[in-house]
């Protein structure tokens, strides 16, 4: 898939394109880590153990990219 494609019409389910849904989903999960109530490892795009601005930046850099 495209780095940053973490959500679609169903939250947390890939849809093949990086859009505002993906960015918004990461914002909702901002600063979550393993063990956090809302943690979703798919939102940790760079696999560093936290959903943060680095992950959102990857989504922005790939914005509107399709599989």
C-alpha atoms as a PDB file:
ATOM      1  CA  UNK A   1       0.000   0.000   0.000  1.00  0.00           C
ATOM      2  CA  UNK A   2       0.865   3.675   0.019  1.00  0.00           C
ATOM      3  CA  UNK A   3       2.668   4.927   3.153  1.00  0.00           C
ATOM      4  CA  UNK A   4       0.125   6.968   5.084  1.00  0.00           C
ATOM      5  CA  UNK A   5      -2.940   5.067   3.861  1.00  0.00           C
ATOM      6  CA  UNK A   6      -4.266   4.044   7.268  1.00  0.00           C
ATOM      7  CA  UNK A   7      -7.999   4.632   6.999  1.00  0.00           C
ATOM      8  CA  UNK A   8     -10.927   4.843   4.634  1.00  0.00           C
ATOM      9  CA  UNK A   9     -14.696   5.086   4.888  1.00  0.00           C
ATOM     10  CA  UNK A  10     -14.395   2.548   7.704  1.00  0.00           C
ATOM     11  CA  UNK A  11     -11.958   3.914  10.318  1.00  0.00           C
ATOM     12  CA  UNK A  12      -8.739   1.914  10.344  1.00  0.00           C
ATOM     13  CA  UNK A  13      -9.423   0.072   7.077  1.00  0.00           C
ATOM     14  CA  UNK A  14      -7.210   0.870   4.089  1.00  0.00           C
ATOM     15  CA  UNK A  15      -8.863   2.257   0.968  1.00  0.00           C
ATOM     16  CA  UNK A  16      -5.865   2.495  -1.386  1.00  0.00           C
ATOM     17  CA  UNK A  17      -5.438   6.279  -1.331  1.00  0.00           C
ATOM     18  CA  UNK A  18      -3.906   8.758   1.101  1.00  0.00           C
ATOM     19  CA  UNK A  19      -6.535  11.378   1.893  1.00  0.00           C
ATOM     20  CA  UNK A  20      -7.725  13.674   4.661  1.00  0.00           C
ATOM     21  CA  UNK A  21      -9.435  10.653   6.215  1.00  0.00           C
ATOM     22  CA  UNK A  22      -5.987   9.196   6.864  1.00  0.00           C
ATOM     23  CA  UNK A  23      -4.619  12.430   8.306  1.00  0.00           C
ATOM     24  CA  UNK A  24      -7.721  12.920  10.468  1.00  0.00           C
ATOM     25  CA  UNK A  25      -7.497   9.333  11.732  1.00  0.00           C
ATOM     26  CA  UNK A  26      -3.867   9.873  12.763  1.00  0.00           C
ATOM     27  CA  UNK A  27      -4.798  13.140  14.490  1.00  0.00           C
ATOM     28  CA  UNK A  28      -7.415  11.269  16.548  1.00  0.00           C
ATOM     29  CA  UNK A  29      -4.733   8.716  17.485  1.00  0.00           C
ATOM     30  CA  UNK A  30      -2.035  11.352  18.025  1.00  0.00           C
ATOM     31  CA  UNK A  31       0.463  10.450  20.736  1.00  0.00           C
ATOM     32  CA  UNK A  32      -0.918   6.942  21.235  1.00  0.00           C
ATOM     33  CA  UNK A  33       1.536   4.135  21.936  1.00  0.00           C
ATOM     34  CA  UNK A  34       1.261   0.387  22.530  1.00  0.00           C
ATOM     35  CA  UNK A  35      -0.866   0.031  25.643  1.00  0.00           C
ATOM     36  CA  UNK A  36      -2.856   3.218  24.968  1.00  0.00           C
ATOM     37  CA  UNK A  37      -6.626   2.599  24.855  1.00  0.00           C
ATOM     38  CA  UNK A  38      -6.940   3.761  21.215  1.00  0.00           C
ATOM     39  CA  UNK A  39      -3.609   2.357  19.938  1.00  0.00           C
ATOM     40  CA  UNK A  40      -3.653   1.158  16.344  1.00  0.00           C
ATOM     41  CA  UNK A  41      -0.256   0.036  15.012  1.00  0.00           C
ATOM     42  CA  UNK A  42      -1.390   0.810  11.444  1.00  0.00           C
ATOM     43  CA  UNK A  43      -1.343   4.523  12.307  1.00  0.00           C
ATOM     44  CA  UNK A  44       2.323   4.210  13.325  1.00  0.00           C
ATOM     45  CA  UNK A  45       3.458   4.493   9.711  1.00  0.00           C
ATOM     46  CA  UNK A  46       7.193   4.600  10.465  1.00  0.00           C
ATOM     47  CA  UNK A  47       6.990   1.852  13.119  1.00  0.00           C
ATOM     48  CA  UNK A  48       8.716   3.824  15.880  1.00  0.00           C
ATOM     49  CA  UNK A  49       6.196   2.893  18.574  1.00  0.00           C
ATOM     50  CA  UNK A  50       4.145   6.084  18.629  1.00  0.00           C
ATOM     51  CA  UNK A  51       1.639   7.797  16.342  1.00  0.00           C
ATOM     52  CA  UNK A  52       3.025  11.322  16.049  1.00  0.00           C
ATOM     53  CA  UNK A  53       3.842  14.146  13.631  1.00  0.00           C
ATOM     54  CA  UNK A  54       6.401  11.963  11.844  1.00  0.00           C
ATOM     55  CA  UNK A  55       3.596   9.634  10.806  1.00  0.00           C
ATOM     56  CA  UNK A  56       1.308  12.507   9.828  1.00  0.00           C
ATOM     57  CA  UNK A  57       4.156  14.031   7.781  1.00  0.00           C
ATOM     58  CA  UNK A  58       4.526  10.770   5.837  1.00  0.00           C
ATOM     59  CA  UNK A  59       0.811  10.850   5.045  1.00  0.00           C
ATOM     60  CA  UNK A  60       1.059  14.483   3.936  1.00  0.00           C
ATOM     61  CA  UNK A  61       4.071  13.736   1.710  1.00  0.00           C
ATOM     62  CA  UNK A  62       2.065  10.941   0.052  1.00  0.00           C
ATOM     63  CA  UNK A  63      -1.214  12.868  -0.029  1.00  0.00           C
ATOM     64  CA  UNK A  64      -3.495  11.871  -2.915  1.00  0.00           C
ATOM     65  CA  UNK A  65      -1.241   8.955  -3.896  1.00  0.00           C
ATOM     66  CA  UNK A  66      -3.035   5.786  -5.012  1.00  0.00           C
ATOM     67  CA  UNK A  67      -2.038   2.134  -4.965  1.00  0.00           C
END
